[in-house]
Every structure is written in structure tokens, then in C-alpha cells.
Protein backbone atom coordinates (compact mmCIF):
# COMPACT_ATOMS: atom_id res chain seq x y z
CA UNK A 1 37.38 -38.48 47.07
CA UNK A 2 40.94 -39.34 47.89
CA UNK A 3 42.04 -41.24 50.99
CA UNK A 4 45.26 -41.31 52.98
CA UNK A 5 46.50 -42.77 56.24
CA UNK A 6 48.37 -39.53 57.01
CA UNK A 7 46.83 -36.11 57.55
CA UNK A 8 47.38 -34.28 54.24
CA UNK A 9 48.61 -30.72 53.88
CA UNK A 10 45.95 -28.43 52.46
CA UNK A 11 48.38 -27.13 49.84
CA UNK A 12 51.32 -29.16 48.60
CA UNK A 13 53.83 -27.98 46.02
CA UNK A 14 54.15 -30.85 43.54
CA UNK A 15 56.38 -29.21 40.96
CA UNK A 16 58.02 -25.94 39.88
CA UNK A 17 58.09 -24.60 36.32
CA UNK A 18 60.18 -21.76 34.94
CA UNK A 19 58.95 -20.67 31.49
CA UNK A 20 59.29 -17.61 29.29
CA UNK A 21 55.99 -16.46 30.83
CA UNK A 22 57.29 -16.65 34.39
CA UNK A 23 57.64 -18.88 37.42
CA UNK A 24 54.83 -21.32 38.19
CA UNK A 25 54.01 -23.69 41.02
CA UNK A 26 52.02 -26.83 40.33
CA UNK A 27 49.96 -27.25 43.49
CA UNK A 28 47.90 -30.09 44.91
CA UNK A 29 45.04 -28.46 46.80
CA UNK A 30 43.03 -30.50 49.30
CA UNK A 31 39.69 -29.51 50.79
CA UNK A 32 36.88 -31.09 52.79
CA UNK A 33 39.47 -33.04 54.83
CA UNK A 34 37.84 -35.29 57.41
CA UNK A 35 38.67 -38.39 59.43
CA UNK A 36 36.98 -41.70 58.84
CA UNK A 37 37.34 -45.04 60.57
CA UNK A 38 38.17 -47.93 58.25
CA UNK A 39 38.12 -51.62 59.07
CA UNK A 40 40.93 -53.66 57.52
CA UNK A 41 40.83 -57.29 56.33
CA UNK A 42 41.73 -58.52 59.84
CA UNK A 43 38.71 -56.77 61.34
CA UNK A 44 40.81 -54.10 63.05
CA UNK A 45 39.94 -50.45 62.59
CA UNK A 46 42.20 -47.50 61.95
CA UNK A 47 41.84 -43.82 61.08
CA UNK A 48 42.18 -42.54 57.54
CA UNK A 49 41.65 -39.12 56.03
CA UNK A 50 39.27 -38.55 53.16
CA UNK A 51 39.34 -35.36 51.07
CA UNK A 52 38.77 -33.70 47.72
CA UNK A 53 41.91 -32.99 45.74
CA UNK A 54 42.63 -30.82 42.73
CA UNK A 55 45.69 -29.58 40.91
CA UNK A 56 46.43 -25.98 39.97
CA UNK A 57 49.09 -24.19 37.99
CA UNK A 58 49.75 -20.98 39.94
CA UNK A 59 51.91 -18.14 38.63
CA UNK A 60 54.21 -16.55 41.19
CA UNK A 61 54.79 -12.82 40.98
CA UNK A 62 58.28 -11.64 40.00
CA UNK A 63 58.70 -9.85 43.33
CA UNK A 64 58.56 -13.17 45.24
CA UNK A 65 62.19 -14.28 45.60
CA UNK A 66 62.47 -16.63 48.59
CA UNK A 67 60.89 -19.84 49.86
CA UNK A 68 59.66 -17.96 52.93
CA UNK A 69 57.83 -15.49 50.67
CA UNK A 70 56.26 -18.36 48.71
CA UNK A 71 55.10 -19.97 51.97
CA UNK A 72 53.58 -16.66 53.11
CA UNK A 73 51.91 -16.13 49.73
CA UNK A 74 50.34 -19.60 49.74
CA UNK A 75 49.09 -19.12 53.30
CA UNK A 76 47.56 -15.77 52.35
CA UNK A 77 45.97 -17.18 49.18
CA UNK A 78 44.82 -20.47 50.76
CA UNK A 79 41.06 -19.80 50.63
CA UNK A 80 41.25 -18.53 47.03
CA UNK A 81 43.32 -21.54 45.95
CA UNK A 82 40.86 -23.98 47.52
CA UNK A 83 37.97 -22.25 45.76
CA UNK A 84 39.80 -22.17 42.43
CA UNK A 85 40.76 -25.87 42.72
CA UNK A 86 37.09 -26.71 43.30
CA UNK A 87 36.07 -24.82 40.16
CA UNK A 88 38.77 -26.53 38.11
CA UNK A 89 37.58 -29.94 39.32
CA UNK A 90 33.97 -29.18 38.33
CA UNK A 91 35.02 -27.77 34.95
CA UNK A 92 37.19 -30.82 34.27
CA UNK A 93 34.31 -33.16 35.10
CA UNK A 94 31.94 -31.18 32.88
CA UNK A 95 34.46 -31.22 30.03
CA UNK A 96 34.81 -35.00 30.37
CA UNK A 97 31.04 -35.56 30.28
CA UNK A 98 29.61 -36.87 27.04
CA UNK A 99 28.06 -34.14 24.88
CA UNK A 100 24.84 -36.18 24.55
CA UNK A 101 24.38 -36.17 28.34
CA UNK A 102 24.72 -32.39 28.38
CA UNK A 103 22.22 -32.03 25.52
CA UNK A 104 19.70 -34.27 27.30
CA UNK A 105 20.06 -32.28 30.52
CA UNK A 106 19.47 -29.01 28.67
CA UNK A 107 16.35 -30.43 26.94
CA UNK A 108 14.87 -31.23 30.35
CA UNK A 109 15.21 -27.61 31.46
């Protein structure tokens, strides 16, 4: 989980890419955002936000031509983007896992 002292946006455009294949947005997608109370080294407490975060490369349709249309598109697609970011995070973790661990898990089934 990631932590921040400021309330994060659910979807944040980190980068834009224009390729021969089209226009892409590199998005940071945050989910499971919740407040926690943290005590600092002086014994004082403050609020922080804890959340899951993933990154997606999202292709924008050719008929989207303005920033307002991108904002509307991202708002409309918010639930799908959060779900897709979650899948990407799980797939990335599975890919990073040692092959022997996966084999042992399968043997136990």
C-alpha cells in the first residue's frame, strides 16, 4: 500500500504518449483509499491516506480531441480503470514470483 499526507486523486494522468499506434495516457490509478492516523516521532498524530496504486497505459480514441473530453472519458471509465489496474497489479506480482513457488503451490492442489 502507498501512503500520502494529501488526499490522492483516484485517477492521475502521469504522462502522455503519441505513437504510430495512437495517443496513450499513462495513468496512476488509486483504489481502496482510506484515512489512517499516524503518530510522528514527537508523539503527535496526523491523518494520512493509504491506498493501492497501479499504473495503466490507456489508449484514447481518435474522436477524443479536447482535455474536457478526456476528463469526461476518464470519469465514465473510472470503475473499469480501477478494476483493470487491480488485475495488472496482481498479474505483475504473479510474474515476479519465483517459478519454484508457483510449482510448489500447484503441487499442493
